[in-house]
Amino acid sequence: MNKYVKYPFLICLFILIGSLGVHLFSEDFAGKLREEDYSEVLSKGEKLYKKKACLSCHGKGGNNPQDNSYPLIGGQPKTYLKQQIIDIRDGSRSNGNTAIMSASIQTVSDEEAYLIAFYLSKQ
């Protein structure tokens, strides 16, 4: 008999612990487990959102676009938003109105993209 089959309880326990560990290290899941003050991160993100001219097209909090063809981005998941900003900046995404946005975000760093995305995700 296989030595691992002798202890099915331990195998299940290791699988359970492993899957919990993955969730605990996920920033989205871990953030839900504790209350933290994100006001500084939100403030930085909001300032960048205004400085990089995002406000002029997407409106306050990303939920009041100046044109119907611009997406509502407020409240979207931060990981999605960050990746979209980076993809448009780097030219990996070039559909819709990305040509307009691309020019204004060429100098946005990955960290700034995260801060903007974090701010928008909380709107």
PDB file of N, CA and C in Angstrom:
ATOM      1  N   MET A   1       0.841  -1.177   0.000  1.00  0.00           N
ATOM      2  CA  MET A   1       0.000   0.000   0.000  1.00  0.00           C
ATOM      3  C   MET A   1       0.890   1.247   0.000  1.00  0.00           C
ATOM      4  N   ASN A   2       0.469   2.251  -0.744  1.00  0.00           N
ATOM      5  CA  ASN A   2       1.205   3.507  -0.841  1.00  0.00           C
ATOM      6  C   ASN A   2       1.240   4.190   0.529  1.00  0.00           C
ATOM      7  N   LYS A   3       2.406   4.694   0.934  1.00  0.00           N
ATOM      8  CA  LYS A   3       2.525   5.286   2.271  1.00  0.00           C
ATOM      9  C   LYS A   3       1.679   6.544   2.441  1.00  0.00           C
ATOM     10  N   TYR A   4       1.350   7.235   1.330  1.00  0.00           N
ATOM     11  CA  TYR A   4       0.543   8.445   1.431  1.00  0.00           C
ATOM     12  C   TYR A   4      -0.945   8.147   1.588  1.00  0.00           C
ATOM     13  N   VAL A   5      -1.357   7.004   1.124  1.00  0.00           N
ATOM     14  CA  VAL A   5      -2.764   6.626   1.218  1.00  0.00           C
ATOM     15  C   VAL A   5      -3.124   6.210   2.639  1.00  0.00           C
ATOM     16  N   LYS A   6      -2.143   5.879   3.439  1.00  0.00           N
ATOM     17  CA  LYS A   6      -2.394   5.463   4.820  1.00  0.00           C
ATOM     18  C   LYS A   6      -2.994   6.589   5.654  1.00  0.00           C
ATOM     19  N   TYR A   7      -2.700   7.800   5.298  1.00  0.00           N
ATOM     20  CA  TYR A   7      -3.128   8.948   6.096  1.00  0.00           C
ATOM     21  C   TYR A   7      -3.926   9.950   5.248  1.00  0.00           C
ATOM     22  N   PRO A   8      -5.110   9.575   4.792  1.00  0.00           N
ATOM     23  CA  PRO A   8      -5.898  10.483   3.941  1.00  0.00           C
ATOM     24  C   PRO A   8      -6.282  11.769   4.677  1.00  0.00           C
ATOM     25  N   PHE A   9      -6.422  11.676   5.986  1.00  0.00           N
ATOM     26  CA  PHE A   9      -6.758  12.870   6.760  1.00  0.00           C
ATOM     27  C   PHE A   9      -5.651  13.919   6.628  1.00  0.00           C
ATOM     28  N   LEU A  10      -4.396  13.475   6.719  1.00  0.00           N
ATOM     29  CA  LEU A  10      -3.273  14.407   6.600  1.00  0.00           C
ATOM     30  C   LEU A  10      -3.194  15.026   5.213  1.00  0.00           C
ATOM     31  N   ILE A  11      -3.488  14.239   4.197  1.00  0.00           N
ATOM     32  CA  ILE A  11      -3.482  14.764   2.832  1.00  0.00           C
ATOM     33  C   ILE A  11      -4.534  15.860   2.702  1.00  0.00           C
ATOM     34  N   CYS A  12      -5.720  15.601   3.202  1.00  0.00           N
ATOM     35  CA  CYS A  12      -6.790  16.615   3.160  1.00  0.00           C
ATOM     36  C   CYS A  12      -6.401  17.857   3.955  1.00  0.00           C
ATOM     37  N   LEU A  13      -5.770  17.652   5.084  1.00  0.00           N
ATOM     38  CA  LEU A  13      -5.353  18.772   5.922  1.00  0.00           C
ATOM     39  C   LEU A  13      -4.326  19.636   5.192  1.00  0.00           C
ATOM     40  N   PHE A  14      -3.353  19.006   4.550  1.00  0.00           N
ATOM     41  CA  PHE A  14      -2.339  19.756   3.804  1.00  0.00           C
ATOM     42  C   PHE A  14      -2.958  20.528   2.639  1.00  0.00           C
ATOM     43  N   ILE A  15      -3.909  19.920   1.958  1.00  0.00           N
ATOM     44  CA  ILE A  15      -4.587  20.601   0.849  1.00  0.00           C
ATOM     45  C   ILE A  15      -5.360  21.806   1.379  1.00  0.00           C
ATOM     46  N   LEU A  16      -6.060  21.631   2.474  1.00  0.00           N
ATOM     47  CA  LEU A  16      -6.824  22.727   3.072  1.00  0.00           C
ATOM     48  C   LEU A  16      -5.911  23.867   3.500  1.00  0.00           C
ATOM     49  N   ILE A  17      -4.834  23.550   4.181  1.00  0.00           N
ATOM     50  CA  ILE A  17      -3.890  24.575   4.639  1.00  0.00           C
ATOM     51  C   ILE A  17      -3.270  25.290   3.440  1.00  0.00           C
ATOM     52  N   GLY A  18      -2.925  24.523   2.421  1.00  0.00           N
ATOM     53  CA  GLY A  18      -2.330  25.116   1.220  1.00  0.00           C
ATOM     54  C   GLY A  18      -3.273  26.079   0.528  1.00  0.00           C
ATOM     55  N   SER A  19      -4.536  25.695   0.386  1.00  0.00           N
ATOM     56  CA  SER A  19      -5.477  26.587  -0.292  1.00  0.00           C
ATOM     57  C   SER A  19      -5.790  27.815   0.557  1.00  0.00           C
ATOM     58  N   LEU A  20      -5.825  27.679   1.860  1.00  0.00           N
ATOM     59  CA  LEU A  20      -6.010  28.843   2.729  1.00  0.00           C
ATOM     60  C   LEU A  20      -4.812  29.788   2.618  1.00  0.00           C
ATOM     61  N   GLY A  21      -3.625  29.213   2.553  1.00  0.00           N
ATOM     62  CA  GLY A  21      -2.417  30.024   2.428  1.00  0.00           C
ATOM     63  C   GLY A  21      -2.432  30.874   1.181  1.00  0.00           C
ATOM     64  N   VAL A  22      -2.904  30.326   0.078  1.00  0.00           N
ATOM     65  CA  VAL A  22      -2.995  31.083  -1.171  1.00  0.00           C
ATOM     66  C   VAL A  22      -3.914  32.284  -0.985  1.00  0.00           C
ATOM     67  N   HIS A  23      -5.049  32.065  -0.341  1.00  0.00           N
ATOM     68  CA  HIS A  23      -5.987  33.163  -0.114  1.00  0.00           C
ATOM     69  C   HIS A  23      -5.447  34.199   0.868  1.00  0.00           C
ATOM     70  N   LEU A  24      -4.762  33.748   1.888  1.00  0.00           N
ATOM     71  CA  LEU A  24      -4.253  34.684   2.884  1.00  0.00           C
ATOM     72  C   LEU A  24      -3.178  35.599   2.312  1.00  0.00           C
ATOM     73  N   PHE A  25      -2.445  35.118   1.320  1.00  0.00           N
ATOM     74  CA  PHE A  25      -1.411  35.943   0.713  1.00  0.00           C
ATOM     75  C   PHE A  25      -1.932  36.786  -0.440  1.00  0.00           C
ATOM     76  N   SER A  26      -3.165  36.576  -0.844  1.00  0.00           N
ATOM     77  CA  SER A  26      -3.782  37.399  -1.881  1.00  0.00           C
ATOM     78  C   SER A  26      -4.150  38.742  -1.258  1.00  0.00           C
ATOM     79  N   GLU A  27      -3.704  39.836  -1.870  1.00  0.00           N
ATOM     80  CA  GLU A  27      -3.959  41.157  -1.283  1.00  0.00           C
ATOM     81  C   GLU A  27      -5.444  41.477  -1.199  1.00  0.00           C
ATOM     82  N   ASP A  28      -6.241  40.991  -2.162  1.00  0.00           N
ATOM     83  CA  ASP A  28      -7.674  41.263  -2.120  1.00  0.00           C
ATOM     84  C   ASP A  28      -8.337  40.547  -0.950  1.00  0.00           C
ATOM     85  N   PHE A  29      -7.992  39.280  -0.739  1.00  0.00           N
ATOM     86  CA  PHE A  29      -8.583  38.499   0.342  1.00  0.00           C
ATOM     87  C   PHE A  29      -8.078  38.974   1.697  1.00  0.00           C
ATOM     88  N   ALA A  30      -6.773  39.179   1.802  1.00  0.00           N
ATOM     89  CA  ALA A  30      -6.178  39.576   3.082  1.00  0.00           C
ATOM     90  C   ALA A  30      -6.732  40.923   3.546  1.00  0.00           C
ATOM     91  N   GLY A  31      -6.990  41.827   2.614  1.00  0.00           N
ATOM     92  CA  GLY A  31      -7.526  43.135   2.969  1.00  0.00           C
ATOM     93  C   GLY A  31      -8.908  43.044   3.583  1.00  0.00           C
ATOM     94  N   LYS A  32      -9.647  42.014   3.229  1.00  0.00           N
ATOM     95  CA  LYS A  32     -10.989  41.832   3.784  1.00  0.00           C
ATOM     96  C   LYS A  32     -10.942  41.281   5.202  1.00  0.00           C
ATOM     97  N   LEU A  33      -9.820  40.705   5.582  1.00  0.00           N
ATOM     98  CA  LEU A  33      -9.707  40.104   6.907  1.00  0.00           C
ATOM     99  C   LEU A  33      -9.424  41.127   7.996  1.00  0.00           C
ATOM    100  N   ARG A  34      -8.942  42.280   7.607  1.00  0.00           N
ATOM    101  CA  ARG A  34      -8.587  43.274   8.613  1.00  0.00           C
ATOM    102  C   ARG A  34      -9.018  44.663   8.143  1.00  0.00           C
ATOM    103  N   GLU A  35      -9.321  45.476   9.086  1.00  0.00           N
ATOM    104  CA  GLU A  35      -9.662  46.860   8.791  1.00  0.00           C
ATOM    105  C   GLU A  35      -8.390  47.689   8.844  1.00  0.00           C
ATOM    106  N   GLU A  36      -8.114  48.391   7.779  1.00  0.00           N
ATOM    107  CA  GLU A  36      -6.930  49.238   7.748  1.00  0.00           C
ATOM    108  C   GLU A  36      -7.314  50.622   7.261  1.00  0.00           C
ATOM    109  N   ASP A  37      -6.470  51.564   7.567  1.00  0.00           N
ATOM    110  CA  ASP A  37      -6.676  52.928   7.113  1.00  0.00           C
ATOM    111  C   ASP A  37      -5.937  53.108   5.791  1.00  0.00           C
ATOM    112  N   TYR A  38      -6.698  53.191   4.718  1.00  0.00           N
ATOM    113  CA  TYR A  38      -6.127  53.360   3.388  1.00  0.00           C
ATOM    114  C   TYR A  38      -6.205  54.810   2.918  1.00  0.00           C
ATOM    115  N   SER A  39      -6.450  55.732   3.826  1.00  0.00           N
ATOM    116  CA  SER A  39      -6.678  57.119   3.427  1.00  0.00           C
ATOM    117  C   SER A  39      -5.475  57.723   2.706  1.00  0.00           C
ATOM    118  N   GLU A  40      -4.261  57.371   3.124  1.00  0.00           N
ATOM    119  CA  GLU A  40      -3.074  57.913   2.467  1.00  0.00           C
ATOM    120  C   GLU A  40      -2.951  57.389   1.028  1.00  0.00           C
ATOM    121  N   VAL A  41      -3.200  56.110   0.845  1.00  0.00           N
ATOM    122  CA  VAL A  41      -3.134  55.512  -0.489  1.00  0.00           C
ATOM    123  C   VAL A  41      -4.232  56.103  -1.377  1.00  0.00           C
ATOM    124  N   LEU A  42      -5.436  56.239  -0.816  1.00  0.00           N
ATOM    125  CA  LEU A  42      -6.538  56.839  -1.569  1.00  0.00           C
ATOM    126  C   LEU A  42      -6.220  58.270  -1.974  1.00  0.00           C
ATOM    127  N   SER A  43      -5.653  59.020  -1.063  1.00  0.00           N
ATOM    128  CA  SER A  43      -5.308  60.409  -1.338  1.00  0.00           C
ATOM    129  C   SER A  43      -4.273  60.516  -2.460  1.00  0.00           C
ATOM    130  N   LYS A  44      -3.251  59.682  -2.393  1.00  0.00           N
ATOM    131  CA  LYS A  44      -2.230  59.680  -3.451  1.00  0.00           C
ATOM    132  C   LYS A  44      -2.842  59.300  -4.795  1.00  0.00           C
ATOM    133  N   GLY A  45      -3.699  58.300  -4.787  1.00  0.00           N
ATOM    134  CA  GLY A  45      -4.356  57.867  -6.018  1.00  0.00           C
ATOM    135  C   GLY A  45      -5.248  58.931  -6.607  1.00  0.00           C
ATOM    136  N   GLU A  46      -5.981  59.618  -5.734  1.00  0.00           N
ATOM    137  CA  GLU A  46      -6.868  60.694  -6.206  1.00  0.00           C
ATOM    138  C   GLU A  46      -6.051  61.833  -6.807  1.00  0.00           C
ATOM    139  N   LYS A  47      -4.950  62.194  -6.167  1.00  0.00           N
ATOM    140  CA  LYS A  47      -4.099  63.261  -6.695  1.00  0.00           C
ATOM    141  C   LYS A  47      -3.538  62.889  -8.065  1.00  0.00           C
ATOM    142  N   LEU A  48      -3.091  61.656  -8.197  1.00  0.00           N
ATOM    143  CA  LEU A  48      -2.571  61.203  -9.494  1.00  0.00           C
ATOM    144  C   LEU A  48      -3.678  61.159 -10.545  1.00  0.00           C
ATOM    145  N   TYR A  49      -4.862  60.740 -10.160  1.00  0.00           N
ATOM    146  CA  TYR A  49      -6.009  60.680 -11.065  1.00  0.00           C
ATOM    147  C   TYR A  49      -6.278  62.060 -11.658  1.00  0.00           C
ATOM    148  N   LYS A  50      -6.160  63.081 -10.836  1.00  0.00           N
ATOM    149  CA  LYS A  50      -6.358  64.453 -11.301  1.00  0.00           C
ATOM    150  C   LYS A  50      -5.145  64.952 -12.094  1.00  0.00           C
ATOM    151  N   LYS A  51      -3.949  64.683 -11.577  1.00  0.00           N
ATOM    152  CA  LYS A  51      -2.707  65.167 -12.205  1.00  0.00           C
ATOM    153  C   LYS A  51      -2.512  64.595 -13.606  1.00  0.00           C
ATOM    154  N   LYS A  52      -2.854  63.339 -13.796  1.00  0.00           N
ATOM    155  CA  LYS A  52      -2.660  62.671 -15.087  1.00  0.00           C
ATOM    156  C   LYS A  52      -3.833  62.904 -16.035  1.00  0.00           C
ATOM    157  N   ALA A  53      -4.729  63.790 -15.669  1.00  0.00           N
ATOM    158  CA  ALA A  53      -5.857  64.221 -16.510  1.00  0.00           C
ATOM    159  C   ALA A  53      -6.917  63.139 -16.724  1.00  0.00           C
ATOM    160  N   CYS A  54      -6.941  62.121 -15.891  1.00  0.00           N
ATOM    161  CA  CYS A  54      -7.969  61.083 -15.991  1.00  0.00           C
ATOM    162  C   CYS A  54      -9.357  61.693 -15.770  1.00  0.00           C
ATOM    163  N   LEU A  55      -9.397  62.646 -14.836  1.00  0.00           N
ATOM    164  CA  LEU A  55     -10.640  63.312 -14.463  1.00  0.00           C
ATOM    165  C   LEU A  55     -11.309  63.984 -15.655  1.00  0.00           C
ATOM    166  N   SER A  56     -10.514  64.543 -16.553  1.00  0.00           N
ATOM    167  CA  SER A  56     -11.084  65.305 -17.668  1.00  0.00           C
ATOM    168  C   SER A  56     -11.922  64.440 -18.607  1.00  0.00           C
ATOM    169  N   CYS A  57     -11.634  63.159 -18.710  1.00  0.00           N
ATOM    170  CA  CYS A  57     -12.428  62.272 -19.573  1.00  0.00           C
ATOM    171  C   CYS A  57     -13.384  61.373 -18.786  1.00  0.00           C
ATOM    172  N   HIS A  58     -12.883  60.798 -17.689  1.00  0.00           N
ATOM    173  CA  HIS A  58     -13.673  59.812 -16.938  1.00  0.00           C
ATOM    174  C   HIS A  58     -14.547  60.433 -15.858  1.00  0.00           C
ATOM    175  N   GLY A  59     -14.325  61.706 -15.543  1.00  0.00           N
ATOM    176  CA  GLY A  59     -15.150  62.388 -14.560  1.00  0.00           C
ATOM    177  C   GLY A  59     -14.802  62.016 -13.131  1.00  0.00           C
ATOM    178  N   LYS A  60     -15.520  62.637 -12.204  1.00  0.00           N
ATOM    179  CA  LYS A  60     -15.270  62.433 -10.777  1.00  0.00           C
ATOM    180  C   LYS A  60     -15.432  60.962 -10.403  1.00  0.00           C
ATOM    181  N   GLY A  61     -14.387  60.422  -9.767  1.00  0.00           N
ATOM    182  CA  GLY A  61     -14.424  59.043  -9.302  1.00  0.00           C
ATOM    183  C   GLY A  61     -14.529  58.002 -10.400  1.00  0.00           C
ATOM    184  N   GLY A  62     -14.331  58.422 -11.653  1.00  0.00           N
ATOM    185  CA  GLY A  62     -14.403  57.478 -12.770  1.00  0.00           C
ATOM    186  C   GLY A  62     -15.810  57.062 -13.142  1.00  0.00           C
ATOM    187  N   ASN A  63     -16.805  57.749 -12.576  1.00  0.00           N
ATOM    188  CA  ASN A  63     -18.200  57.367 -12.814  1.00  0.00           C
ATOM    189  C   ASN A  63     -19.032  58.433 -13.515  1.00  0.00           C
ATOM    190  N   ASN A  64     -18.373  59.418 -14.102  1.00  0.00           N
ATOM    191  CA  ASN A  64     -19.085  60.487 -14.782  1.00  0.00           C
ATOM    192  C   ASN A  64     -18.325  60.873 -16.050  1.00  0.00           C
ATOM    193  N   PRO A  65     -18.251  59.946 -17.030  1.00  0.00           N
ATOM    194  CA  PRO A  65     -17.464  60.233 -18.224  1.00  0.00           C
ATOM    195  C   PRO A  65     -18.017  61.400 -19.032  1.00  0.00           C
ATOM    196  N   GLN A  66     -17.120  62.118 -19.668  1.00  0.00           N
ATOM    197  CA  GLN A  66     -17.501  63.290 -20.452  1.00  0.00           C
ATOM    198  C   GLN A  66     -18.126  62.903 -21.794  1.00  0.00           C
ATOM    199  N   ASP A  67     -17.959  61.671 -22.192  1.00  0.00           N
ATOM    200  CA  ASP A  67     -18.491  61.173 -23.458  1.00  0.00           C
ATOM    201  C   ASP A  67     -19.069  59.777 -23.200  1.00  0.00           C
ATOM    202  N   ASN A  68     -20.155  59.452 -23.860  1.00  0.00           N
ATOM    203  CA  ASN A  68     -20.795  58.147 -23.651  1.00  0.00           C
ATOM    204  C   ASN A  68     -19.924  56.975 -24.087  1.00  0.00           C
ATOM    205  N   SER A  69     -18.921  57.245 -24.924  1.00  0.00           N
ATOM    206  CA  SER A  69     -18.060  56.153 -25.374  1.00  0.00           C
ATOM    207  C   SER A  69     -16.947  55.837 -24.376  1.00  0.00           C
ATOM    208  N   TYR A  70     -16.781  56.682 -23.349  1.00  0.00           N
ATOM    209  CA  TYR A  70     -15.774  56.430 -22.311  1.00  0.00           C
ATOM    210  C   TYR A  70     -16.378  55.521 -21.251  1.00  0.00           C
ATOM    211  N   PRO A  71     -15.621  54.548 -20.775  1.00  0.00           N
ATOM    212  CA  PRO A  71     -16.181  53.591 -19.809  1.00  0.00           C
ATOM    213  C   PRO A  71     -16.325  54.153 -18.395  1.00  0.00           C
ATOM    214  N   LEU A  72     -17.248  53.565 -17.666  1.00  0.00           N
ATOM    215  CA  LEU A  72     -17.375  53.822 -16.236  1.00  0.00           C
ATOM    216  C   LEU A  72     -16.320  52.951 -15.553  1.00  0.00           C
ATOM    217  N   ILE A  73     -15.337  53.574 -14.930  1.00  0.00           N
ATOM    218  CA  ILE A  73     -14.237  52.803 -14.354  1.00  0.00           C
ATOM    219  C   ILE A  73     -14.233  52.798 -12.826  1.00  0.00           C
ATOM    220  N   GLY A  74     -15.010  53.665 -12.216  1.00  0.00           N
ATOM    221  CA  GLY A  74     -15.091  53.692 -10.760  1.00  0.00           C
ATOM    222  C   GLY A  74     -15.731  52.416 -10.240  1.00  0.00           C
ATOM    223  N   GLY A  75     -15.145  51.847  -9.186  1.00  0.00           N
ATOM    224  CA  GLY A  75     -15.693  50.646  -8.572  1.00  0.00           C
ATOM    225  C   GLY A  75     -15.236  49.345  -9.209  1.00  0.00           C
ATOM    226  N   GLN A  76     -14.450  49.421 -10.270  1.00  0.00           N
ATOM    227  CA  GLN A  76     -13.907  48.209 -10.896  1.00  0.00           C
ATOM    228  C   GLN A  76     -12.801  47.637 -10.004  1.00  0.00           C
ATOM    229  N   PRO A  77     -12.495  46.344 -10.121  1.00  0.00           N
ATOM    230  CA  PRO A  77     -11.416  45.751  -9.314  1.00  0.00           C
ATOM    231  C   PRO A  77     -10.058  46.403  -9.618  1.00  0.00           C
ATOM    232  N   LYS A  78      -9.295  46.665  -8.573  1.00  0.00           N
ATOM    233  CA  LYS A  78      -8.023  47.385  -8.747  1.00  0.00           C
ATOM    234  C   LYS A  78      -7.028  46.622  -9.603  1.00  0.00           C
ATOM    235  N   THR A  79      -7.019  45.303  -9.507  1.00  0.00           N
ATOM    236  CA  THR A  79      -6.077  44.531 -10.322  1.00  0.00           C
ATOM    237  C   THR A  79      -6.422  44.650 -11.810  1.00  0.00           C
ATOM    238  N   TYR A  80      -7.706  44.664 -12.124  1.00  0.00           N
ATOM    239  CA  TYR A  80      -8.159  44.843 -13.508  1.00  0.00           C
ATOM    240  C   TYR A  80      -7.775  46.227 -14.016  1.00  0.00           C
ATOM    241  N   LEU A  81      -8.092  47.249 -13.232  1.00  0.00           N
ATOM    242  CA  LEU A  81      -7.801  48.620 -13.642  1.00  0.00           C
ATOM    243  C   LEU A  81      -6.310  48.852 -13.850  1.00  0.00           C
ATOM    244  N   LYS A  82      -5.512  48.370 -12.918  1.00  0.00           N
ATOM    245  CA  LYS A  82      -4.063  48.541 -13.036  1.00  0.00           C
ATOM    246  C   LYS A  82      -3.557  47.907 -14.326  1.00  0.00           C
ATOM    247  N   GLN A  83      -4.010  46.705 -14.605  1.00  0.00           N
ATOM    248  CA  GLN A  83      -3.549  46.010 -15.810  1.00  0.00           C
ATOM    249  C   GLN A  83      -3.989  46.741 -17.074  1.00  0.00           C
ATOM    250  N   GLN A  84      -5.194  47.303 -17.064  1.00  0.00           N
ATOM    251  CA  GLN A  84      -5.662  48.051 -18.230  1.00  0.00           C
ATOM    252  C   GLN A  84      -4.809  49.297 -18.457  1.00  0.00           C
ATOM    253  N   ILE A  85      -4.495  50.000 -17.393  1.00  0.00           N
ATOM    254  CA  ILE A  85      -3.644  51.197 -17.500  1.00  0.00           C
ATOM    255  C   ILE A  85      -2.287  50.808 -18.087  1.00  0.00           C
ATOM    256  N   ILE A  86      -1.694  49.761 -17.566  1.00  0.00           N
ATOM    257  CA  ILE A  86      -0.374  49.320 -18.031  1.00  0.00           C
ATOM    258  C   ILE A  86      -0.446  48.839 -19.485  1.00  0.00           C
ATOM    259  N   ASP A  87      -1.479  48.073 -19.821  1.00  0.00           N
ATOM    260  CA  ASP A  87      -1.614  47.570 -21.193  1.00  0.00           C
ATOM    261  C   ASP A  87      -1.796  48.702 -22.197  1.00  0.00           C
ATOM    262  N   ILE A  88      -2.573  49.705 -21.838  1.00  0.00           N
ATOM    263  CA  ILE A  88      -2.772  50.847 -22.736  1.00  0.00           C
ATOM    264  C   ILE A  88      -1.481  51.649 -22.835  1.00  0.00           C
ATOM    265  N   ARG A  89      -0.828  51.875 -21.707  1.00  0.00           N
ATOM    266  CA  ARG A  89       0.442  52.613 -21.697  1.00  0.00           C
ATOM    267  C   ARG A  89       1.496  51.937 -22.574  1.00  0.00           C
ATOM    268  N   ASP A  90       1.586  50.614 -22.458  1.00  0.00           N
ATOM    269  CA  ASP A  90       2.617  49.861 -23.170  1.00  0.00           C
ATOM    270  C   ASP A  90       2.227  49.484 -24.605  1.00  0.00           C
ATOM    271  N   GLY A  91       0.982  49.770 -24.982  1.00  0.00           N
ATOM    272  CA  GLY A  91       0.531  49.467 -26.338  1.00  0.00           C
ATOM    273  C   GLY A  91       0.004  48.057 -26.528  1.00  0.00           C
ATOM    274  N   SER A  92      -0.119  47.292 -25.465  1.00  0.00           N
ATOM    275  CA  SER A  92      -0.656  45.929 -25.569  1.00  0.00           C
ATOM    276  C   SER A  92      -2.155  45.942 -25.851  1.00  0.00           C
ATOM    277  N   ARG A  93      -2.803  47.019 -25.464  1.00  0.00           N
ATOM    278  CA  ARG A  93      -4.235  47.185 -25.722  1.00  0.00           C
ATOM    279  C   ARG A  93      -4.397  48.445 -26.553  1.00  0.00           C
ATOM    280  N   SER A  94      -5.071  48.313 -27.687  1.00  0.00           N
ATOM    281  CA  SER A  94      -5.192  49.474 -28.575  1.00  0.00           C
ATOM    282  C   SER A  94      -6.572  49.577 -29.210  1.00  0.00           C
ATOM    283  N   ASN A  95      -7.595  49.153 -28.486  1.00  0.00           N
ATOM    284  CA  ASN A  95      -8.955  49.240 -29.012  1.00  0.00           C
ATOM    285  C   ASN A  95      -9.693  50.453 -28.436  1.00  0.00           C
ATOM    286  N   GLY A  96     -10.852  50.727 -28.973  1.00  0.00           N
ATOM    287  CA  GLY A  96     -11.681  51.818 -28.454  1.00  0.00           C
ATOM    288  C   GLY A  96     -10.975  53.156 -28.477  1.00  0.00           C
ATOM    289  N   ASN A  97     -11.032  53.863 -27.373  1.00  0.00           N
ATOM    290  CA  ASN A  97     -10.428  55.195 -27.262  1.00  0.00           C
ATOM    291  C   ASN A  97      -9.039  55.164 -26.634  1.00  0.00           C
ATOM    292  N   THR A  98      -8.361  54.043 -26.729  1.00  0.00           N
ATOM    293  CA  THR A  98      -7.065  53.932 -26.067  1.00  0.00           C
ATOM    294  C   THR A  98      -6.024  54.888 -26.634  1.00  0.00           C
ATOM    295  N   ALA A  99      -6.160  55.298 -27.896  1.00  0.00           N
ATOM    296  CA  ALA A  99      -5.187  56.234 -28.475  1.00  0.00           C
ATOM    297  C   ALA A  99      -5.226  57.566 -27.732  1.00  0.00           C
ATOM    298  N   ILE A 100      -6.414  57.989 -27.336  1.00  0.00           N
ATOM    299  CA  ILE A 100      -6.559  59.243 -26.582  1.00  0.00           C
ATOM    300  C   ILE A 100      -5.908  59.093 -25.215  1.00  0.00           C
ATOM    301  N   MET A 101      -6.179  57.978 -24.561  1.00  0.00           N
ATOM    302  CA  MET A 101      -5.667  57.753 -23.210  1.00  0.00           C
ATOM    303  C   MET A 101      -4.160  57.489 -23.199  1.00  0.00           C
ATOM    304  N   SER A 102      -3.680  56.818 -24.209  1.00  0.00           N
ATOM    305  CA  SER A 102      -2.274  56.431 -24.269  1.00  0.00           C
ATOM    306  C   SER A 102      -1.337  57.621 -24.115  1.00  0.00           C
ATOM    307  N   ALA A 103      -1.652  58.714 -24.755  1.00  0.00           N
ATOM    308  CA  ALA A 103      -0.791  59.904 -24.695  1.00  0.00           C
ATOM    309  C   ALA A 103      -0.688  60.465 -23.281  1.00  0.00           C
ATOM    310  N   SER A 104      -1.777  60.421 -22.535  1.00  0.00           N
ATOM    311  CA  SER A 104      -1.764  61.025 -21.201  1.00  0.00           C
ATOM    312  C   SER A 104      -1.170  60.118 -20.123  1.00  0.00           C
ATOM    313  N   ILE A 105      -0.967  58.846 -20.429  1.00  0.00           N
ATOM    314  CA  ILE A 105      -0.441  57.935 -19.406  1.00  0.00           C
ATOM    315  C   ILE A 105       0.941  57.364 -19.741  1.00  0.00           C
ATOM    316  N   GLN A 106       1.603  57.909 -20.734  1.00  0.00           N
ATOM    317  CA  GLN A 106       2.927  57.408 -21.116  1.00  0.00           C
ATOM    318  C   GLN A 106       3.936  57.472 -19.971  1.00  0.00           C
ATOM    319  N   THR A 107       3.791  58.443 -19.094  1.00  0.00           N
ATOM    320  CA  THR A 107       4.754  58.609 -18.004  1.00  0.00           C
ATOM    321  C   THR A 107       4.289  57.972 -16.689  1.00  0.00           C
ATOM    322  N   VAL A 108       3.146  57.295 -16.698  1.00  0.00           N
ATOM    323  CA  VAL A 108       2.625  56.665 -15.483  1.00  0.00           C
ATOM    324  C   VAL A 108       3.451  55.409 -15.178  1.00  0.00           C
ATOM    325  N   SER A 109       4.029  55.371 -13.976  1.00  0.00           N
ATOM    326  CA  SER A 109       4.796  54.195 -13.547  1.00  0.00           C
ATOM    327  C   SER A 109       3.829  53.097 -13.114  1.00  0.00           C
ATOM    328  N   ASP A 110       4.352  51.893 -12.915  1.00  0.00           N
ATOM    329  CA  ASP A 110       3.513  50.796 -12.423  1.00  0.00           C
ATOM    330  C   ASP A 110       2.943  51.124 -11.047  1.00  0.00           C
ATOM    331  N   GLU A 111       3.749  51.760 -10.202  1.00  0.00           N
ATOM    332  CA  GLU A 111       3.278  52.133  -8.866  1.00  0.00           C
ATOM    333  C   GLU A 111       2.156  53.170  -8.958  1.00  0.00           C
ATOM    334  N   GLU A 112       2.322  54.146  -9.834  1.00  0.00           N
ATOM    335  CA  GLU A 112       1.272  55.149 -10.008  1.00  0.00           C
ATOM    336  C   GLU A 112      -0.002  54.515 -10.568  1.00  0.00           C
ATOM    337  N   ALA A 113       0.163  53.554 -11.479  1.00  0.00           N
ATOM    338  CA  ALA A 113      -0.995  52.841 -12.028  1.00  0.00           C
ATOM    339  C   ALA A 113      -1.751  52.133 -10.907  1.00  0.00           C
ATOM    340  N   TYR A 114      -1.007  51.526  -9.980  1.00  0.00           N
ATOM    341  CA  TYR A 114      -1.640  50.859  -8.839  1.00  0.00           C
ATOM    342  C   TYR A 114      -2.395  51.871  -7.974  1.00  0.00           C
ATOM    343  N   LEU A 115      -1.773  53.012  -7.690  1.00  0.00           N
ATOM    344  CA  LEU A 115      -2.418  54.012  -6.832  1.00  0.00           C
ATOM    345  C   LEU A 115      -3.701  54.545  -7.468  1.00  0.00           C
ATOM    346  N   ILE A 116      -3.653  54.817  -8.758  1.00  0.00           N
ATOM    347  CA  ILE A 116      -4.852  55.290  -9.469  1.00  0.00           C
ATOM    348  C   ILE A 116      -5.917  54.193  -9.441  1.00  0.00           C
ATOM    349  N   ALA A 117      -5.512  52.970  -9.723  1.00  0.00           N
ATOM    350  CA  ALA A 117      -6.455  51.848  -9.730  1.00  0.00           C
ATOM    351  C   ALA A 117      -7.066  51.617  -8.356  1.00  0.00           C
ATOM    352  N   PHE A 118      -6.249  51.742  -7.315  1.00  0.00           N
ATOM    353  CA  PHE A 118      -6.742  51.573  -5.950  1.00  0.00           C
ATOM    354  C   PHE A 118      -7.803  52.632  -5.641  1.00  0.00           C
ATOM    355  N   TYR A 119      -7.493  53.878  -5.977  1.00  0.00           N
ATOM    356  CA  TYR A 119      -8.445  54.979  -5.757  1.00  0.00           C
ATOM    357  C   TYR A 119      -9.758  54.690  -6.487  1.00  0.00           C
ATOM    358  N   LEU A 120      -9.671  54.346  -7.760  1.00  0.00           N
ATOM    359  CA  LEU A 120     -10.878  54.110  -8.553  1.00  0.00           C
ATOM    360  C   LEU A 120     -11.671  52.917  -8.036  1.00  0.00           C
ATOM    361  N   SER A 121     -10.995  51.904  -7.558  1.00  0.00           N
ATOM    362  CA  SER A 121     -11.704  50.705  -7.071  1.00  0.00           C
ATOM    363  C   SER A 121     -12.558  50.996  -5.843  1.00  0.00           C
ATOM    364  N   LYS A 122     -12.248  52.062  -5.145  1.00  0.00           N
ATOM    365  CA  LYS A 122     -12.996  52.424  -3.927  1.00  0.00           C
ATOM    366  C   LYS A 122     -14.108  53.428  -4.199  1.00  0.00           C
ATOM    367  N   GLN A 123     -14.332  53.750  -5.459  1.00  0.00           N
ATOM    368  CA  GLN A 123     -15.366  54.738  -5.810  1.00  0.00           C
ATOM    369  C   GLN A 123     -16.712  54.068  -6.042  1.00  0.00           C
TER     370      GLN A 123
END
